[in-house]
Protein backbone atom coordinates (compact mmCIF):
# COMPACT_ATOMS: atom_id res chain seq x y z
CA MET A 1 -4.97 27.59 -3.76
CA ILE A 2 -7.57 27.49 -1.06
CA LEU A 3 -8.38 24.73 1.37
CA ARG A 4 -12.09 24.08 2.14
CA ARG A 5 -13.48 21.63 4.69
CA ARG A 6 -16.85 20.03 5.06
CA ALA A 7 -18.44 16.92 6.54
CA VAL A 8 -18.94 13.78 4.49
CA LEU A 9 -21.78 11.47 5.19
CA GLY A 10 -23.01 13.78 8.00
CA THR A 11 -21.00 11.94 10.83
CA GLY A 12 -17.99 12.80 12.80
CA MET A 13 -16.28 9.67 11.58
CA PHE A 14 -15.45 11.11 8.07
CA ALA A 15 -13.66 14.22 7.06
CA ALA A 16 -13.08 15.89 3.69
CA ALA A 17 -10.62 18.32 2.32
CA SER A 18 -10.75 19.97 -0.95
CA LEU A 19 -7.73 21.39 -2.75
CA GLY A 20 -9.37 23.60 -5.18
CA ALA A 21 -8.56 26.37 -7.60
CA PRO A 22 -6.92 29.78 -6.90
CA ALA A 23 -9.19 31.86 -4.71
CA LEU A 24 -9.62 34.52 -7.35
CA ALA A 25 -10.75 32.03 -10.06
CA GLN A 26 -14.38 31.80 -11.21
CA PRO A 27 -16.34 28.94 -9.56
CA ARG A 28 -16.21 25.80 -11.79
CA ARG A 29 -18.97 23.70 -12.68
CA PRO A 30 -19.09 20.13 -11.22
CA GLU A 31 -18.10 18.57 -14.62
CA GLU A 32 -14.88 20.58 -14.60
CA THR A 33 -13.77 19.46 -11.11
CA ILE A 34 -12.06 16.06 -10.40
CA ARG A 35 -13.15 14.58 -7.10
CA VAL A 36 -10.74 11.99 -5.50
CA GLY A 37 -11.88 10.02 -2.53
CA LEU A 38 -9.10 8.57 -0.27
CA LEU A 39 -10.55 5.75 1.72
CA GLN A 40 -8.09 4.45 4.34
CA ASP A 41 -7.82 3.10 7.92
CA MET A 42 -7.60 6.49 9.77
CA SER A 43 -7.99 5.16 13.36
CA GLY A 44 -7.34 1.42 13.63
CA ALA A 45 -4.49 -1.20 13.35
CA TYR A 46 -3.22 0.06 10.01
CA ARG A 47 -3.48 3.85 10.76
CA ASP A 48 0.31 4.42 10.70
CA ILE A 49 0.75 2.63 7.43
CA SER A 50 -2.18 4.39 5.77
CA GLY A 51 -3.94 7.12 7.67
CA PRO A 52 -2.79 10.73 7.90
CA THR A 53 0.36 10.15 5.97
CA SER A 54 -1.72 8.90 3.13
CA VAL A 55 -3.59 12.18 3.30
CA ALA A 56 -0.45 14.14 3.24
CA CYS A 57 0.97 12.24 0.18
CA ALA A 58 -2.31 12.68 -1.81
CA ARG A 59 -2.34 16.39 -1.01
CA GLN A 60 1.32 16.59 -2.25
CA ALA A 61 0.38 15.10 -5.48
CA ILE A 62 -2.52 17.56 -5.87
CA ARG A 63 -0.39 20.52 -4.98
CA GLU A 64 2.17 19.70 -7.45
CA PHE A 65 -0.34 19.07 -10.25
CA GLN A 66 -2.30 22.17 -9.67
CA ALA A 67 0.78 24.28 -9.65
CA ALA A 68 1.49 23.07 -13.10
CA ASN A 69 -2.25 22.95 -14.18
CA PRO A 70 -4.20 25.63 -12.30
CA GLU A 71 -7.02 25.28 -14.85
CA ILE A 72 -7.92 21.90 -13.58
CA ALA A 73 -9.57 21.83 -10.05
CA VAL A 74 -9.17 18.78 -7.80
CA ASP A 75 -11.04 18.15 -4.68
CA LEU A 76 -9.92 15.48 -2.09
CA LEU A 77 -12.39 13.72 0.21
CA VAL A 78 -11.09 11.47 3.06
CA ALA A 79 -12.92 8.74 4.96
CA ASP A 80 -12.14 5.99 7.51
CA HIS A 81 -13.42 2.53 6.53
CA GLN A 82 -12.62 1.22 10.15
CA ASN A 83 -11.40 -2.03 8.62
CA LYS A 84 -14.96 -2.99 7.80
CA SER A 85 -16.14 -3.81 4.36
CA ASP A 86 -19.72 -2.76 4.92
CA VAL A 87 -18.53 0.69 6.19
CA GLY A 88 -16.18 1.15 3.28
CA LEU A 89 -18.82 0.10 0.73
CA THR A 90 -21.29 2.50 2.25
CA VAL A 91 -18.76 5.31 1.89
CA VAL A 92 -17.96 4.37 -1.76
CA ARG A 93 -21.63 4.10 -2.81
CA GLN A 94 -22.45 7.56 -1.25
CA TRP A 95 -19.27 9.15 -2.79
CA PHE A 96 -20.38 7.98 -6.24
CA ASP A 97 -24.10 8.55 -5.94
CA ARG A 98 -24.18 11.81 -3.77
CA ASP A 99 -20.74 13.40 -3.77
CA GLY A 100 -19.59 13.03 -7.43
CA VAL A 101 -16.37 11.18 -6.65
CA ASP A 102 -14.58 10.11 -9.75
CA MET A 103 -11.75 7.87 -8.28
CA VAL A 104 -11.24 6.05 -5.07
CA LEU A 105 -7.65 5.91 -3.80
CA GLY A 106 -6.01 3.66 -1.15
CA VAL A 107 -8.32 1.27 0.62
CA SER A 108 -5.79 -0.73 2.96
CA ASN A 109 -8.18 -3.60 3.40
CA SER A 110 -8.20 -6.54 0.79
CA ALA A 111 -11.72 -7.74 1.50
CA LEU A 112 -13.07 -4.32 0.86
CA ALA A 113 -11.02 -3.90 -2.29
CA ILE A 114 -12.48 -7.12 -3.67
CA ALA A 115 -16.01 -6.14 -2.58
CA MET A 116 -15.62 -2.70 -4.37
CA LYS A 117 -15.10 -4.23 -7.75
CA ALA A 118 -18.78 -4.46 -8.67
CA VAL A 119 -19.90 -1.02 -7.62
CA VAL A 120 -16.74 0.70 -9.27
CA GLU A 121 -17.60 -1.03 -12.51
CA GLN A 122 -21.27 -0.53 -12.27
CA LYS A 123 -20.76 3.23 -11.81
CA ASP A 124 -17.80 3.27 -14.35
CA LYS A 125 -15.52 4.92 -11.85
CA VAL A 126 -11.82 4.23 -11.01
CA HIS A 127 -10.16 2.47 -8.15
CA LEU A 128 -6.38 2.99 -7.64
CA ASN A 129 -5.54 0.54 -5.14
CA THR A 130 -2.28 1.39 -3.19
CA SER A 131 -2.52 -0.47 0.11
CA ALA A 132 -4.79 -3.48 -0.16
CA ALA A 133 -2.24 -6.24 -0.84
CA THR A 134 -4.02 -9.28 -2.23
CA SER A 135 -2.53 -10.34 -5.53
CA SER A 136 -6.01 -11.57 -6.57
CA LEU A 137 -6.79 -8.04 -7.63
CA THR A 138 -4.86 -8.57 -10.80
CA SER A 139 -6.06 -12.18 -11.12
CA GLU A 140 -9.56 -13.50 -10.58
CA HIS A 141 -10.66 -10.10 -9.30
CA CYS A 142 -9.03 -7.97 -11.96
CA SER A 143 -11.06 -5.06 -13.40
CA PRO A 144 -10.86 -2.65 -16.32
CA ASN A 145 -11.66 0.06 -13.85
CA ALA A 146 -8.82 -0.63 -11.47
CA ILE A 147 -5.03 -0.51 -11.21
CA HIS A 148 -3.07 -2.12 -8.37
CA TRP A 149 -0.06 0.09 -7.31
CA ALA A 150 2.76 -0.07 -4.90
CA TYR A 151 3.01 -3.85 -3.99
CA ASP A 152 1.04 -7.02 -3.52
CA THR A 153 1.32 -10.36 -1.80
CA TYR A 154 3.12 -11.93 -4.69
CA CYS A 155 5.91 -9.33 -4.79
CA LEU A 156 6.29 -9.36 -0.95
CA SER A 157 6.53 -13.18 -0.90
CA HIS A 158 8.82 -13.67 -3.84
CA ALA A 159 11.26 -10.78 -3.05
CA THR A 160 11.47 -12.30 0.50
CA GLY A 161 11.18 -16.09 0.30
CA GLU A 162 13.45 -16.91 -2.50
CA PRO A 163 16.48 -14.69 -1.36
CA LEU A 164 16.24 -15.86 2.34
CA VAL A 165 15.92 -19.66 1.34
CA LYS A 166 19.18 -19.04 -0.78
CA GLN A 167 20.92 -17.60 2.22
CA GLY A 168 20.23 -20.72 4.22
CA TYR A 169 16.87 -19.91 5.92
CA GLY A 170 15.07 -22.93 4.46
CA THR A 171 12.33 -23.63 7.12
CA TRP A 172 9.48 -21.47 7.82
CA PHE A 173 6.57 -20.92 10.27
CA PHE A 174 3.79 -18.45 9.45
CA ILE A 175 1.66 -16.29 11.92
CA THR A 176 -1.16 -15.02 9.77
CA PRO A 177 -4.10 -12.63 10.20
CA ASN A 178 -7.34 -14.43 9.55
CA TYR A 179 -8.65 -12.52 6.53
CA ALA A 180 -8.16 -12.46 2.76
CA PHE A 181 -4.90 -10.57 2.68
CA GLY A 182 -3.26 -12.80 5.28
CA HIS A 183 -4.32 -16.14 3.62
CA THR A 184 -3.23 -14.81 0.13
CA LEU A 185 0.16 -13.73 1.40
CA GLN A 186 0.79 -17.05 3.14
CA ALA A 187 -0.19 -19.00 0.01
CA ASP A 188 2.12 -16.75 -2.17
CA THR A 189 5.04 -17.04 0.27
CA THR A 190 4.61 -20.80 0.66
CA HIS A 191 4.90 -21.12 -3.07
CA SER A 192 8.08 -18.87 -3.18
CA VAL A 193 9.66 -20.86 -0.18
CA GLU A 194 8.90 -24.35 -1.63
CA THR A 195 9.82 -23.56 -5.27
CA SER A 196 13.21 -22.31 -3.98
CA GLY A 197 13.83 -25.51 -2.10
CA GLY A 198 12.56 -24.59 1.41
CA ARG A 199 9.82 -26.11 3.57
CA VAL A 200 6.99 -24.71 5.62
CA LEU A 201 6.85 -26.47 9.04
CA GLY A 202 3.64 -24.96 10.32
CA ALA A 203 1.26 -21.94 10.43
CA VAL A 204 -1.18 -20.44 12.82
CA SER A 205 -4.02 -17.84 12.13
CA TYR A 206 -5.00 -15.14 14.64
CA PRO A 207 -8.29 -13.22 14.81
CA PHE A 208 -8.08 -9.85 13.23
CA PRO A 209 -8.46 -7.10 14.46
CA GLU A 210 -9.23 -8.52 17.89
CA THR A 211 -5.71 -9.76 18.80
CA THR A 212 -3.07 -8.01 20.88
CA ASP A 213 -1.49 -10.83 22.82
CA PHE A 214 0.55 -13.00 20.39
CA SER A 215 2.34 -14.96 22.99
CA ALA A 216 0.71 -18.39 22.32
CA PHE A 217 1.34 -18.00 18.58
CA LEU A 218 4.97 -17.12 19.08
CA LEU A 219 5.63 -20.01 21.39
CA GLN A 220 4.08 -22.33 18.84
CA ALA A 221 6.49 -20.83 16.19
CA GLN A 222 9.42 -21.29 18.44
CA ALA A 223 8.44 -24.93 19.15
CA SER A 224 8.38 -25.60 15.43
CA ARG A 225 12.31 -25.02 15.31
CA ALA A 226 11.83 -23.22 12.04
CA LYS A 227 14.68 -20.93 11.10
CA VAL A 228 12.23 -18.30 9.91
CA VAL A 229 9.16 -16.97 11.72
CA ALA A 230 7.12 -14.93 9.18
CA PHE A 231 4.68 -12.57 10.72
CA LEU A 232 2.00 -11.56 8.17
CA GLY A 233 0.11 -8.91 10.08
CA ALA A 234 1.00 -5.23 9.84
CA GLY A 235 0.68 -1.99 11.73
CA THR A 236 0.19 -2.19 15.47
CA ASP A 237 -0.16 -6.08 15.17
CA PHE A 238 3.38 -6.19 13.84
CA VAL A 239 4.73 -3.86 16.44
CA ASN A 240 3.19 -5.80 19.24
CA ALA A 241 4.35 -9.12 17.88
CA VAL A 242 7.99 -7.97 17.55
CA LYS A 243 8.02 -6.72 21.11
CA GLN A 244 6.66 -9.91 22.36
CA ALA A 245 9.09 -11.98 20.17
CA GLN A 246 11.90 -10.10 21.85
CA GLU A 247 10.50 -10.92 25.32
CA PHE A 248 10.61 -14.52 24.42
CA GLY A 249 14.06 -14.33 23.02
CA LEU A 250 13.26 -15.54 19.46
CA MET A 251 15.80 -13.29 17.86
CA ARG A 252 18.52 -14.15 20.39
CA SER A 253 18.05 -17.82 19.66
CA GLY A 254 18.93 -17.29 16.02
CA ILE A 255 15.51 -17.25 14.52
CA ARG A 256 15.14 -14.87 11.66
CA PHE A 257 11.94 -12.85 12.35
CA VAL A 258 10.62 -11.69 9.05
CA GLY A 259 8.03 -8.94 8.54
CA LEU A 260 6.46 -9.60 5.15
CA THR A 261 4.24 -6.58 5.75
CA GLY A 262 6.77 -4.73 7.93
CA TYR A 263 7.09 -1.08 7.19
CA ILE A 264 9.34 1.83 8.09
CA ASN A 265 6.63 3.09 10.30
CA SER A 266 6.82 -0.07 12.34
CA VAL A 267 10.63 0.27 12.59
CA MET A 268 10.22 3.88 13.80
CA SER A 269 7.72 2.86 16.39
CA LEU A 270 9.82 0.01 17.74
CA GLY A 271 13.21 1.91 17.57
CA LEU A 272 16.33 0.47 16.06
CA GLN A 273 17.42 -1.25 19.33
CA ALA A 274 14.35 -3.54 19.19
CA ALA A 275 14.03 -3.81 15.37
CA GLN A 276 17.68 -4.22 14.39
CA GLY A 277 18.35 -7.24 12.11
CA MET A 278 14.75 -7.84 11.06
CA THR A 279 14.08 -8.49 7.49
CA GLN A 280 11.55 -6.43 5.60
CA THR A 281 10.30 -5.98 2.00
CA GLU A 282 9.13 -2.75 0.54
CA THR A 283 8.98 -1.25 -2.99
CA PHE A 284 9.90 2.19 -1.71
CA TYR A 285 12.36 3.74 0.62
CA TRP A 286 12.79 7.48 1.24
CA ASP A 287 16.51 7.36 1.31
CA LEU A 288 16.99 5.01 -1.68
CA ASN A 289 18.21 7.49 -4.27
CA ASP A 290 18.23 11.08 -5.26
CA ARG A 291 14.68 11.15 -6.52
CA THR A 292 13.27 9.56 -3.44
CA ARG A 293 15.14 12.02 -1.26
CA ALA A 294 13.78 14.86 -3.28
CA PHE A 295 10.20 13.66 -2.72
CA MET A 296 10.84 13.49 0.97
CA ASP A 297 12.22 16.89 1.08
CA ARG A 298 9.00 18.29 -0.52
CA LEU A 299 6.83 16.14 1.77
CA ARG A 300 8.66 16.67 5.04
CA PRO A 301 7.11 20.05 5.94
CA HIS A 302 3.72 18.46 5.84
CA LEU A 303 4.43 15.60 8.18
CA PRO A 304 5.02 15.32 11.94
CA ALA A 305 8.68 15.14 13.12
CA ASN A 306 10.28 11.75 12.64
CA THR A 307 7.42 10.48 10.32
CA PHE A 308 8.49 8.84 7.19
CA PRO A 309 6.30 7.31 4.24
CA CYS A 310 6.11 3.62 3.51
CA HIS A 311 5.40 2.10 0.10
CA ASN A 312 1.66 2.43 0.86
CA HIS A 313 2.01 6.20 1.17
CA ALA A 314 4.39 6.42 -1.75
CA GLY A 315 1.79 4.67 -3.80
CA ASP A 316 -0.90 7.15 -2.83
CA TYR A 317 1.27 9.91 -4.25
CA SER A 318 2.44 8.04 -7.31
CA ALA A 319 -0.93 6.66 -8.37
CA LEU A 320 -2.63 10.03 -8.10
CA VAL A 321 0.19 11.76 -10.04
CA HIS A 322 -0.28 9.37 -12.88
CA TYR A 323 -4.11 9.53 -12.75
CA LEU A 324 -4.03 13.32 -12.96
CA LYS A 325 -1.75 13.08 -15.97
CA ALA A 326 -4.30 10.98 -17.74
CA VAL A 327 -7.02 13.46 -16.56
CA LYS A 328 -5.04 16.22 -18.29
CA ALA A 329 -4.47 14.08 -21.30
CA LEU A 330 -8.20 13.27 -21.73
CA GLY A 331 -9.68 16.43 -20.35
CA PRO A 332 -11.68 16.57 -16.97
CA ALA A 333 -15.06 16.05 -18.59
CA ARG A 334 -14.08 13.00 -20.66
CA ALA A 335 -12.13 11.53 -17.60
CA LYS A 336 -15.15 11.93 -15.46
CA ALA A 337 -17.45 10.35 -18.04
CA SER A 338 -15.83 7.01 -18.07
CA GLY A 339 -13.45 5.40 -15.43
CA LYS A 340 -12.81 2.56 -17.81
CA GLU A 341 -11.56 4.90 -20.47
CA THR A 342 -9.33 6.72 -17.93
CA VAL A 343 -7.77 3.54 -16.71
CA ALA A 344 -7.02 2.46 -20.35
CA ALA A 345 -5.32 5.77 -20.94
CA MET A 346 -3.23 5.35 -17.74
CA LYS A 347 -2.15 1.90 -19.04
CA GLU A 348 -1.08 3.47 -22.42
CA MET A 349 1.19 6.06 -20.57
CA ALA A 350 4.58 5.24 -19.10
CA THR A 351 4.70 5.96 -15.43
CA ASP A 352 7.42 8.23 -14.00
CA ASP A 353 7.59 9.89 -10.59
CA ASP A 354 10.12 10.49 -7.82
CA CYS A 355 8.91 7.57 -5.61
CA PHE A 356 9.10 4.70 -8.01
CA GLY A 357 10.99 6.15 -10.98
CA GLN A 358 10.02 4.92 -14.47
CA GLY A 359 7.50 2.05 -14.85
CA THR A 360 4.68 0.54 -16.74
CA ILE A 361 1.20 -0.74 -16.18
CA ARG A 362 0.27 -4.20 -17.54
CA ARG A 363 -3.03 -5.14 -19.16
CA ASP A 364 -4.14 -6.94 -15.89
CA GLY A 365 -3.82 -3.61 -14.08
CA ARG A 366 -0.52 -4.37 -12.37
CA LYS A 367 1.89 -1.50 -11.90
CA LEU A 368 5.44 -2.62 -12.37
CA HIS A 369 8.59 -1.46 -10.46
CA PRO A 370 11.41 -3.10 -8.54
CA THR A 371 11.05 -4.67 -4.99
CA TYR A 372 13.65 -4.37 -2.25
CA LEU A 373 14.60 -6.75 0.46
CA PHE A 374 15.84 -4.70 3.49
CA MET A 375 17.58 -5.47 6.73
CA VAL A 376 16.99 -3.07 9.58
CA LYS A 377 20.21 -1.25 10.72
CA SER A 378 21.64 -1.39 14.10
CA PRO A 379 21.62 1.97 16.14
CA ALA A 380 25.41 2.20 15.55
CA GLU A 381 24.82 1.99 11.76
CA SER A 382 22.16 4.67 11.53
CA ARG A 383 23.16 8.14 10.65
CA GLY A 384 20.06 9.82 11.98
CA PRO A 385 16.19 9.63 12.11
CA GLY A 386 14.72 7.57 9.27
CA ASP A 387 18.07 6.04 8.20
CA VAL A 388 16.90 2.52 9.07
CA TYR A 389 17.43 0.26 6.06
CA LYS A 390 20.17 -1.42 4.13
CA VAL A 391 19.45 -3.30 0.93
CA LEU A 392 19.91 -7.04 0.95
CA ALA A 393 18.50 -7.90 -2.46
CA VAL A 394 16.72 -6.20 -5.43
CA THR A 395 14.08 -7.97 -7.42
CA PRO A 396 13.74 -6.15 -10.88
CA ALA A 397 10.36 -4.93 -12.03
CA GLU A 398 9.91 -7.71 -14.63
CA ARG A 399 10.30 -10.36 -11.80
CA SER A 400 8.61 -8.61 -8.93
CA PHE A 401 5.09 -9.40 -9.79
CA ARG A 402 3.20 -12.57 -10.86
CA PRO A 403 3.39 -13.22 -14.68
CA ILE A 404 0.10 -12.56 -16.36
CA ALA A 405 0.20 -16.23 -17.60
CA GLU A 406 0.14 -17.51 -14.08
CA GLY A 407 -2.74 -15.43 -13.02
CA MET A 408 -6.54 -15.71 -13.83
CA CYS A 409 -7.28 -12.27 -15.30
CA ALA A 410 -9.51 -12.96 -18.24
CA MET A 411 -9.31 -9.51 -19.70
CA ALA A 412 -5.47 -9.78 -19.85
CA LYS A 413 -5.53 -13.06 -21.86
CA SER A 414 -8.21 -12.13 -24.43
């Protein structure tokens, strides 16, 4: 296997890597090579929860596939959308029109994921969304050319809100980033809290991605006397908010600080001394079982020290593994000819990989697997780097995601 590099779009902002065929093989025609475009936040607030680790996980999936199927060439292109929909759409259009990309993976921006729907369908390509969280992607914005992997706002909210209300944390205050993902997550969590018997005492939105000082929002949350302060931002926003919450003594006062979009990467950045006792929800944890540990063992040599994948990264690996299985079943030429047909084939095949285990894909494009409510361990409880979570509750696959009947996906109800 060889690794080739070239520029994408002719700017320093984008990079591409191609994991192609063995060096002695004859050059393949374009119709025989599958081209995957990984579109993530490579430099901004969500870099740690997408970025370079997403690249490593995508490359791992390709390595494993090509080791078993050397006759099928797979190229990987990588771009930074800078958390701007217009930048991301420009990349996607040029990937489809000029670079022959067959499938877009990742995205990590809900507004961009929604905006992509029209161009993906028009070009009959594939979008495997692993890190844009809005649950509308399997509701009013569902698509026959797309699958929503890893997690969404519904599973985060219902695997967090209901268990915590039942444990006595019945009053909530939200600090929410002011864009599509944040508003959807707040609405979904409000529904979960209220249907479980809890109450929302207040909420405040902050400008994204311009905000670094959360003190005014945290003081407003503290003044509400809510038992739970739910922070709905992620990445560096979440890390900054936790540090400032510690400074104001929110945790010491008995408030449960909940990261609905908290990730293991944020815990590693904060350290257990600062993060201990926080509640977070993910659909993947590297130390969950033998299969997740086996995946981590294979991936570890390709990551910096003390770097651990979150469920976004696991989704990049898992979704690409399943996509390439469908490519093999259909044949590269047929898979390239119709993204809609490829997605249909993926839905017909049971999913199975070391990150999420066995699962299925519904008619509305929702990938199903369990969701885990974690508490961050104290330093004394941890056995070493990356040993940060203990499981508080498990929501099974069939209850983790919004029922089709409650969504607005027309193709799933026809």
